[in-house]
Amino acid sequence: MPAKVDEETCTACGACAEICPADAITVEDVAKVDPEQCTECGACTEECPLEAIKLEE
């Protein structure tokens, strides 16, 4: 399952989008993951300082 963003926790810092090798994340008010592009690599989950993005099970 693709990564999912907790919109209440996300501060739109952009760390996840910068690290994503698939360019599957865009950031405006909060980060948004394109499930069609997400490769489930987990880089974003490790990079997020607030743990606001997780891989769905």
PDB file of N, CA and C in Angstrom:
ATOM      1  N   MET A   1       0.852  -1.176   0.000  1.00  0.00           N
ATOM      2  CA  MET A   1       0.000   0.000   0.000  1.00  0.00           C
ATOM      3  C   MET A   1       0.903   1.246   0.000  1.00  0.00           C
ATOM      4  N   PRO A   2       0.474   2.283  -0.675  1.00  0.00           N
ATOM      5  CA  PRO A   2       1.286   3.504  -0.735  1.00  0.00           C
ATOM      6  C   PRO A   2       1.337   4.234   0.605  1.00  0.00           C
ATOM      7  N   ALA A   3       2.274   5.163   0.696  1.00  0.00           N
ATOM      8  CA  ALA A   3       2.420   5.963   1.910  1.00  0.00           C
ATOM      9  C   ALA A   3       1.182   6.827   2.123  1.00  0.00           C
ATOM     10  N   LYS A   4       0.873   7.058   3.395  1.00  0.00           N
ATOM     11  CA  LYS A   4      -0.287   7.881   3.753  1.00  0.00           C
ATOM     12  C   LYS A   4       0.176   8.976   4.706  1.00  0.00           C
ATOM     13  N   VAL A   5      -0.313  10.185   4.469  1.00  0.00           N
ATOM     14  CA  VAL A   5       0.063  11.346   5.272  1.00  0.00           C
ATOM     15  C   VAL A   5      -1.007  11.625   6.324  1.00  0.00           C
ATOM     16  N   ASP A   6      -0.562  11.831   7.562  1.00  0.00           N
ATOM     17  CA  ASP A   6      -1.455  12.293   8.625  1.00  0.00           C
ATOM     18  C   ASP A   6      -1.531  13.809   8.471  1.00  0.00           C
ATOM     19  N   GLU A   7      -2.616  14.292   7.885  1.00  0.00           N
ATOM     20  CA  GLU A   7      -2.743  15.709   7.554  1.00  0.00           C
ATOM     21  C   GLU A   7      -2.786  16.612   8.781  1.00  0.00           C
ATOM     22  N   GLU A   8      -3.142  16.077   9.940  1.00  0.00           N
ATOM     23  CA  GLU A   8      -3.165  16.883  11.162  1.00  0.00           C
ATOM     24  C   GLU A   8      -1.763  17.098  11.717  1.00  0.00           C
ATOM     25  N   THR A   9      -0.856  16.173  11.424  1.00  0.00           N
ATOM     26  CA  THR A   9       0.509  16.254  11.934  1.00  0.00           C
ATOM     27  C   THR A   9       1.456  16.929  10.941  1.00  0.00           C
ATOM     28  N   CYS A  10       1.222  16.751   9.667  1.00  0.00           N
ATOM     29  CA  CYS A  10       2.097  17.275   8.611  1.00  0.00           C
ATOM     30  C   CYS A  10       2.167  18.801   8.660  1.00  0.00           C
ATOM     31  N   THR A  11       3.399  19.333   8.602  1.00  0.00           N
ATOM     32  CA  THR A  11       3.607  20.783   8.588  1.00  0.00           C
ATOM     33  C   THR A  11       4.049  21.283   7.214  1.00  0.00           C
ATOM     34  N   ALA A  12       4.027  20.418   6.215  1.00  0.00           N
ATOM     35  CA  ALA A  12       4.414  20.768   4.840  1.00  0.00           C
ATOM     36  C   ALA A  12       5.864  21.232   4.750  1.00  0.00           C
ATOM     37  N   CYS A  13       6.743  20.598   5.508  1.00  0.00           N
ATOM     38  CA  CYS A  13       8.157  20.989   5.481  1.00  0.00           C
ATOM     39  C   CYS A  13       8.836  20.599   4.168  1.00  0.00           C
ATOM     40  N   GLY A  14       8.308  19.565   3.502  1.00  0.00           N
ATOM     41  CA  GLY A  14       8.841  19.156   2.208  1.00  0.00           C
ATOM     42  C   GLY A  14       9.946  18.120   2.246  1.00  0.00           C
ATOM     43  N   ALA A  15      10.343  17.683   3.423  1.00  0.00           N
ATOM     44  CA  ALA A  15      11.428  16.704   3.526  1.00  0.00           C
ATOM     45  C   ALA A  15      11.094  15.416   2.781  1.00  0.00           C
ATOM     46  N   CYS A  16       9.860  14.974   2.886  1.00  0.00           N
ATOM     47  CA  CYS A  16       9.446  13.730   2.228  1.00  0.00           C
ATOM     48  C   CYS A  16       9.497  13.861   0.709  1.00  0.00           C
ATOM     49  N   ALA A  17       9.063  15.004   0.195  1.00  0.00           N
ATOM     50  CA  ALA A  17       9.058  15.226  -1.250  1.00  0.00           C
ATOM     51  C   ALA A  17      10.477  15.290  -1.800  1.00  0.00           C
ATOM     52  N   GLU A  18      11.387  15.893  -1.036  1.00  0.00           N
ATOM     53  CA  GLU A  18      12.775  16.002  -1.484  1.00  0.00           C
ATOM     54  C   GLU A  18      13.455  14.645  -1.558  1.00  0.00           C
ATOM     55  N   ILE A  19      13.137  13.739  -0.636  1.00  0.00           N
ATOM     56  CA  ILE A  19      13.811  12.443  -0.568  1.00  0.00           C
ATOM     57  C   ILE A  19      13.169  11.392  -1.478  1.00  0.00           C
ATOM     58  N   CYS A  20      11.925  11.598  -1.894  1.00  0.00           N
ATOM     59  CA  CYS A  20      11.189  10.586  -2.660  1.00  0.00           C
ATOM     60  C   CYS A  20      11.837  10.330  -4.026  1.00  0.00           C
ATOM     61  N   PRO A  21      12.354   9.111  -4.262  1.00  0.00           N
ATOM     62  CA  PRO A  21      13.003   8.815  -5.543  1.00  0.00           C
ATOM     63  C   PRO A  21      12.020   8.699  -6.709  1.00  0.00           C
ATOM     64  N   ALA A  22      10.743   8.522  -6.411  1.00  0.00           N
ATOM     65  CA  ALA A  22       9.732   8.362  -7.462  1.00  0.00           C
ATOM     66  C   ALA A  22       8.998   9.669  -7.762  1.00  0.00           C
ATOM     67  N   ASP A  23       9.366  10.752  -7.080  1.00  0.00           N
ATOM     68  CA  ASP A  23       8.665  12.036  -7.232  1.00  0.00           C
ATOM     69  C   ASP A  23       7.159  11.869  -7.073  1.00  0.00           C
ATOM     70  N   ALA A  24       6.765  11.063  -6.089  1.00  0.00           N
ATOM     71  CA  ALA A  24       5.350  10.751  -5.873  1.00  0.00           C
ATOM     72  C   ALA A  24       4.682  11.683  -4.868  1.00  0.00           C
ATOM     73  N   ILE A  25       5.438  12.622  -4.301  1.00  0.00           N
ATOM     74  CA  ILE A  25       4.898  13.481  -3.247  1.00  0.00           C
ATOM     75  C   ILE A  25       4.948  14.942  -3.670  1.00  0.00           C
ATOM     76  N   THR A  26       3.819  15.611  -3.521  1.00  0.00           N
ATOM     77  CA  THR A  26       3.752  17.054  -3.730  1.00  0.00           C
ATOM     78  C   THR A  26       3.383  17.694  -2.397  1.00  0.00           C
ATOM     79  N   VAL A  27       3.792  18.938  -2.216  1.00  0.00           N
ATOM     80  CA  VAL A  27       3.527  19.622  -0.952  1.00  0.00           C
ATOM     81  C   VAL A  27       2.907  20.984  -1.229  1.00  0.00           C
ATOM     82  N   GLU A  28       1.742  21.207  -0.656  1.00  0.00           N
ATOM     83  CA  GLU A  28       1.114  22.527  -0.665  1.00  0.00           C
ATOM     84  C   GLU A  28       0.806  22.850   0.795  1.00  0.00           C
ATOM     85  N   ASP A  29      -0.449  22.733   1.209  1.00  0.00           N
ATOM     86  CA  ASP A  29      -0.777  22.927   2.627  1.00  0.00           C
ATOM     87  C   ASP A  29      -0.268  21.758   3.460  1.00  0.00           C
ATOM     88  N   VAL A  30      -0.305  20.575   2.879  1.00  0.00           N
ATOM     89  CA  VAL A  30       0.237  19.348   3.471  1.00  0.00           C
ATOM     90  C   VAL A  30       0.821  18.509   2.340  1.00  0.00           C
ATOM     91  N   ALA A  31       1.571  17.477   2.699  1.00  0.00           N
ATOM     92  CA  ALA A  31       2.114  16.568   1.695  1.00  0.00           C
ATOM     93  C   ALA A  31       0.999  15.681   1.151  1.00  0.00           C
ATOM     94  N   LYS A  32       1.065  15.397  -0.130  1.00  0.00           N
ATOM     95  CA  LYS A  32       0.105  14.498  -0.779  1.00  0.00           C
ATOM     96  C   LYS A  32       0.900  13.457  -1.553  1.00  0.00           C
ATOM     97  N   VAL A  33       0.510  12.192  -1.412  1.00  0.00           N
ATOM     98  CA  VAL A  33       1.183  11.093  -2.095  1.00  0.00           C
ATOM     99  C   VAL A  33       0.331  10.627  -3.262  1.00  0.00           C
ATOM    100  N   ASP A  34       0.949  10.524  -4.434  1.00  0.00           N
ATOM    101  CA  ASP A  34       0.272   9.977  -5.606  1.00  0.00           C
ATOM    102  C   ASP A  34       0.413   8.458  -5.538  1.00  0.00           C
ATOM    103  N   PRO A  35      -0.673   7.738  -5.248  1.00  0.00           N
ATOM    104  CA  PRO A  35      -0.578   6.284  -5.090  1.00  0.00           C
ATOM    105  C   PRO A  35      -0.152   5.563  -6.368  1.00  0.00           C
ATOM    106  N   GLU A  36      -0.365   6.184  -7.513  1.00  0.00           N
ATOM    107  CA  GLU A  36       0.048   5.577  -8.786  1.00  0.00           C
ATOM    108  C   GLU A  36       1.569   5.596  -8.936  1.00  0.00           C
ATOM    109  N   GLN A  37       2.223   6.587  -8.333  1.00  0.00           N
ATOM    110  CA  GLN A  37       3.674   6.734  -8.465  1.00  0.00           C
ATOM    111  C   GLN A  37       4.454   6.160  -7.283  1.00  0.00           C
ATOM    112  N   CYS A  38       3.823   6.050  -6.131  1.00  0.00           N
ATOM    113  CA  CYS A  38       4.507   5.582  -4.923  1.00  0.00           C
ATOM    114  C   CYS A  38       5.008   4.152  -5.107  1.00  0.00           C
ATOM    115  N   THR A  39       6.304   3.936  -4.835  1.00  0.00           N
ATOM    116  CA  THR A  39       6.896   2.603  -4.959  1.00  0.00           C
ATOM    117  C   THR A  39       7.018   1.897  -3.607  1.00  0.00           C
ATOM    118  N   GLU A  40       6.505   2.538  -2.558  1.00  0.00           N
ATOM    119  CA  GLU A  40       6.516   1.972  -1.205  1.00  0.00           C
ATOM    120  C   GLU A  40       7.929   1.700  -0.691  1.00  0.00           C
ATOM    121  N   CYS A  41       8.877   2.550  -1.067  1.00  0.00           N
ATOM    122  CA  CYS A  41      10.266   2.339  -0.652  1.00  0.00           C
ATOM    123  C   CYS A  41      10.499   2.696   0.817  1.00  0.00           C
ATOM    124  N   GLY A  42       9.664   3.586   1.373  1.00  0.00           N
ATOM    125  CA  GLY A  42       9.784   3.959   2.777  1.00  0.00           C
ATOM    126  C   GLY A  42      10.738   5.108   3.068  1.00  0.00           C
ATOM    127  N   ALA A  43      11.363   5.668   2.046  1.00  0.00           N
ATOM    128  CA  ALA A  43      12.302   6.774   2.273  1.00  0.00           C
ATOM    129  C   ALA A  43      11.618   7.954   2.954  1.00  0.00           C
ATOM    130  N   CYS A  44      10.401   8.246   2.550  1.00  0.00           N
ATOM    131  CA  CYS A  44       9.667   9.384   3.126  1.00  0.00           C
ATOM    132  C   CYS A  44       9.367   9.168   4.600  1.00  0.00           C
ATOM    133  N   THR A  45       9.041   7.940   4.969  1.00  0.00           N
ATOM    134  CA  THR A  45       8.698   7.663   6.363  1.00  0.00           C
ATOM    135  C   THR A  45       9.912   7.834   7.269  1.00  0.00           C
ATOM    136  N   GLU A  46      11.092   7.508   6.754  1.00  0.00           N
ATOM    137  CA  GLU A  46      12.315   7.663   7.533  1.00  0.00           C
ATOM    138  C   GLU A  46      12.744   9.125   7.610  1.00  0.00           C
ATOM    139  N   GLU A  47      12.426   9.910   6.587  1.00  0.00           N
ATOM    140  CA  GLU A  47      12.867  11.307   6.510  1.00  0.00           C
ATOM    141  C   GLU A  47      11.984  12.265   7.304  1.00  0.00           C
ATOM    142  N   CYS A  48      10.705  11.952   7.464  1.00  0.00           N
ATOM    143  CA  CYS A  48       9.770  12.879   8.109  1.00  0.00           C
ATOM    144  C   CYS A  48      10.136  13.095   9.579  1.00  0.00           C
ATOM    145  N   PRO A  49      10.435  14.349   9.965  1.00  0.00           N
ATOM    146  CA  PRO A  49      10.821  14.608  11.354  1.00  0.00           C
ATOM    147  C   PRO A  49       9.664  14.469  12.345  1.00  0.00           C
ATOM    148  N   LEU A  50       8.434  14.503  11.857  1.00  0.00           N
ATOM    149  CA  LEU A  50       7.266  14.411  12.738  1.00  0.00           C
ATOM    150  C   LEU A  50       6.559  13.061  12.664  1.00  0.00           C
ATOM    151  N   GLU A  51       7.116  12.138  11.874  1.00  0.00           N
ATOM    152  CA  GLU A  51       6.494  10.824  11.659  1.00  0.00           C
ATOM    153  C   GLU A  51       5.056  10.972  11.179  1.00  0.00           C
ATOM    154  N   ALA A  52       4.839  11.952  10.296  1.00  0.00           N
ATOM    155  CA  ALA A  52       3.493  12.237   9.789  1.00  0.00           C
ATOM    156  C   ALA A  52       3.156  11.436   8.538  1.00  0.00           C
ATOM    157  N   ILE A  53       4.086  10.632   8.059  1.00  0.00           N
ATOM    158  CA  ILE A  53       3.836   9.829   6.863  1.00  0.00           C
ATOM    159  C   ILE A  53       4.250   8.391   7.149  1.00  0.00           C
ATOM    160  N   LYS A  54       3.370   7.482   6.823  1.00  0.00           N
ATOM    161  CA  LYS A  54       3.606   6.063   7.112  1.00  0.00           C
ATOM    162  C   LYS A  54       3.168   5.223   5.920  1.00  0.00           C
ATOM    163  N   LEU A  55       3.771   4.051   5.782  1.00  0.00           N
ATOM    164  CA  LEU A  55       3.320   3.112   4.760  1.00  0.00           C
ATOM    165  C   LEU A  55       2.091   2.398   5.291  1.00  0.00           C
ATOM    166  N   GLU A  56       1.045   2.346   4.481  1.00  0.00           N
ATOM    167  CA  GLU A  56      -0.176   1.650   4.885  1.00  0.00           C
ATOM    168  C   GLU A  56       0.070   0.152   4.845  1.00  0.00           C
ATOM    169  N   GLU A  57      -0.628  -0.566   5.684  1.00  0.00           N
ATOM    170  CA  GLU A  57      -0.487  -2.030   5.707  1.00  0.00           C
ATOM    171  C   GLU A  57      -1.621  -2.676   4.974  1.00  0.00           C
TER     172      GLU A  57
END
